[in-house]
Structures are given as C-alpha cells and as structure tokens.
Amino acid sequence: MVNDTVDFNTMKELLKLTDGNLASHMSALEKLDFVLVNKQFIGKKPNTYFEATKLGKAAFKIHLDALEKLLKQS
C-alpha cells in the first residue's frame, strides 16, 4: 500500500516468492476485486504491474485494524 502500483518482479523480490506462487496469489486477489492486474509490453518484454482497488484498500484497512485490536488485547 506504500506505492500506487508495483511491478511483478519487484513484488516477487520483496516477498521472496516464485513466479507461480505470486501469480496464483495475485490471481486470487484479482478475483476478489482487491487488485487490478495490468499487463503491457515494454519493447518486446512483457510487463505486469498491480494496483490496489478501492475495495482492496478497504479490506487491507480492516485487516490492519483487526491486527491492532488483537495486539492491544495482549
């Protein structure tokens, strides 16, 4: 949520995931309308980048709020 968009390779490196693992997770998030997956070509190379949707941002905020509440109970 720090960046408006992030490309596939950057996300893969940050999360230390394989191509297939990241692709399957992002596909699941796309089906829930939490992320928008944009595919384009830069020259002859494919480039995929992700962007959180309004619904995805709201779900993430709910998740963070739940974690904060859990931590405060400890």
C-alpha atoms as a PDB file:
ATOM      1  CA  MET A   1       0.000   0.000   0.000  1.00  0.00           C
ATOM      2  CA  VAL A   2       3.042   2.252   0.059  1.00  0.00           C
ATOM      3  CA  ASN A   3       3.110   2.611  -3.731  1.00  0.00           C
ATOM      4  CA  ASP A   4       0.228   3.229  -6.129  1.00  0.00           C
ATOM      5  CA  THR A   5       1.483   0.421  -8.361  1.00  0.00           C
ATOM      6  CA  VAL A   6       4.179  -2.239  -8.176  1.00  0.00           C
ATOM      7  CA  ASP A   7       5.552  -4.397 -10.964  1.00  0.00           C
ATOM      8  CA  PHE A   8       5.647  -8.198 -10.882  1.00  0.00           C
ATOM      9  CA  ASN A   9       9.409  -8.570 -10.461  1.00  0.00           C
ATOM     10  CA  THR A  10       9.629  -6.008  -7.653  1.00  0.00           C
ATOM     11  CA  MET A  11       6.768  -7.694  -5.794  1.00  0.00           C
ATOM     12  CA  LYS A  12       8.367 -11.103  -6.320  1.00  0.00           C
ATOM     13  CA  GLU A  13      11.714  -9.936  -4.932  1.00  0.00           C
ATOM     14  CA  LEU A  14      10.204  -8.098  -1.952  1.00  0.00           C
ATOM     15  CA  LEU A  15       8.085 -11.078  -0.921  1.00  0.00           C
ATOM     16  CA  LYS A  16      10.673 -13.700  -1.921  1.00  0.00           C
ATOM     17  CA  LEU A  17       8.127 -15.700  -3.931  1.00  0.00           C
ATOM     18  CA  THR A  18       8.372 -17.810  -7.056  1.00  0.00           C
ATOM     19  CA  ASP A  19       6.733 -16.614 -10.269  1.00  0.00           C
ATOM     20  CA  GLY A  20       3.983 -19.220  -9.989  1.00  0.00           C
ATOM     21  CA  ASN A  21       3.300 -18.558  -6.324  1.00  0.00           C
ATOM     22  CA  LEU A  22       2.972 -14.809  -6.819  1.00  0.00           C
ATOM     23  CA  ALA A  23       0.841 -15.276  -9.933  1.00  0.00           C
ATOM     24  CA  SER A  24      -1.601 -17.574  -8.127  1.00  0.00           C
ATOM     25  CA  HIS A  25      -1.916 -15.254  -5.114  1.00  0.00           C
ATOM     26  CA  MET A  26      -2.441 -12.194  -7.287  1.00  0.00           C
ATOM     27  CA  SER A  27      -4.981 -14.077  -9.402  1.00  0.00           C
ATOM     28  CA  ALA A  28      -6.968 -14.882  -6.242  1.00  0.00           C
ATOM     29  CA  LEU A  29      -6.824 -11.227  -5.149  1.00  0.00           C
ATOM     30  CA  GLU A  30      -7.900 -10.126  -8.626  1.00  0.00           C
ATOM     31  CA  LYS A  31     -10.937 -12.443  -8.486  1.00  0.00           C
ATOM     32  CA  LEU A  32     -11.946 -10.768  -5.206  1.00  0.00           C
ATOM     33  CA  ASP A  33     -11.535  -7.360  -6.904  1.00  0.00           C
ATOM     34  CA  PHE A  34      -8.823  -6.425  -4.374  1.00  0.00           C
ATOM     35  CA  VAL A  35      -6.182  -5.743  -7.052  1.00  0.00           C
ATOM     36  CA  LEU A  36      -6.135  -4.613 -10.640  1.00  0.00           C
ATOM     37  CA  VAL A  37      -3.659  -6.542 -12.792  1.00  0.00           C
ATOM     38  CA  ASN A  38      -2.282  -4.539 -15.719  1.00  0.00           C
ATOM     39  CA  LYS A  39      -0.303  -6.266 -18.462  1.00  0.00           C
ATOM     40  CA  GLN A  40       1.575  -4.463 -21.204  1.00  0.00           C
ATOM     41  CA  PHE A  41       4.698  -4.782 -23.301  1.00  0.00           C
ATOM     42  CA  ILE A  42       7.715  -2.556 -22.911  1.00  0.00           C
ATOM     43  CA  GLY A  43       9.534  -3.054 -26.161  1.00  0.00           C
ATOM     44  CA  LYS A  44       9.225  -6.805 -26.651  1.00  0.00           C
ATOM     45  CA  LYS A  45       9.230  -7.649 -22.946  1.00  0.00           C
ATOM     46  CA  PRO A  46       6.010  -8.319 -21.070  1.00  0.00           C
ATOM     47  CA  ASN A  47       5.426  -6.127 -18.032  1.00  0.00           C
ATOM     48  CA  THR A  48       2.822  -6.856 -15.371  1.00  0.00           C
ATOM     49  CA  TYR A  49       2.028  -4.490 -12.553  1.00  0.00           C
ATOM     50  CA  PHE A  50      -0.516  -4.439  -9.778  1.00  0.00           C
ATOM     51  CA  GLU A  51      -2.668  -1.725  -8.276  1.00  0.00           C
ATOM     52  CA  ALA A  52      -4.897  -1.985  -5.196  1.00  0.00           C
ATOM     53  CA  THR A  53      -8.569  -1.241  -5.855  1.00  0.00           C
ATOM     54  CA  LYS A  54     -10.780   0.788  -3.509  1.00  0.00           C
ATOM     55  CA  LEU A  55     -12.232  -2.493  -2.246  1.00  0.00           C
ATOM     56  CA  GLY A  56      -8.737  -3.910  -1.737  1.00  0.00           C
ATOM     57  CA  LYS A  57      -7.614  -0.836   0.195  1.00  0.00           C
ATOM     58  CA  ALA A  58     -10.703  -1.027   2.407  1.00  0.00           C
ATOM     59  CA  ALA A  59     -10.133  -4.745   3.073  1.00  0.00           C
ATOM     60  CA  PHE A  60      -6.493  -4.056   3.934  1.00  0.00           C
ATOM     61  CA  LYS A  61      -7.521  -1.334   6.395  1.00  0.00           C
ATOM     62  CA  ILE A  62      -9.992  -3.713   8.057  1.00  0.00           C
ATOM     63  CA  HIS A  63      -7.209  -6.298   8.318  1.00  0.00           C
ATOM     64  CA  LEU A  64      -4.791  -3.799   9.889  1.00  0.00           C
ATOM     65  CA  ASP A  65      -7.461  -2.613  12.331  1.00  0.00           C
ATOM     66  CA  ALA A  66      -8.114  -6.212  13.402  1.00  0.00           C
ATOM     67  CA  LEU A  67      -4.373  -6.786  13.948  1.00  0.00           C
ATOM     68  CA  GLU A  68      -4.102  -3.611  16.035  1.00  0.00           C
ATOM     69  CA  LYS A  69      -7.081  -4.679  18.130  1.00  0.00           C
ATOM     70  CA  LEU A  70      -5.515  -8.106  18.646  1.00  0.00           C
ATOM     71  CA  LEU A  71      -2.218  -6.564  19.734  1.00  0.00           C
ATOM     72  CA  LYS A  72      -3.946  -4.228  22.193  1.00  0.00           C
ATOM     73  CA  GLN A  73      -5.641  -7.208  23.853  1.00  0.00           C
ATOM     74  CA  SER A  74      -2.293  -8.814  24.633  1.00  0.00           C
END
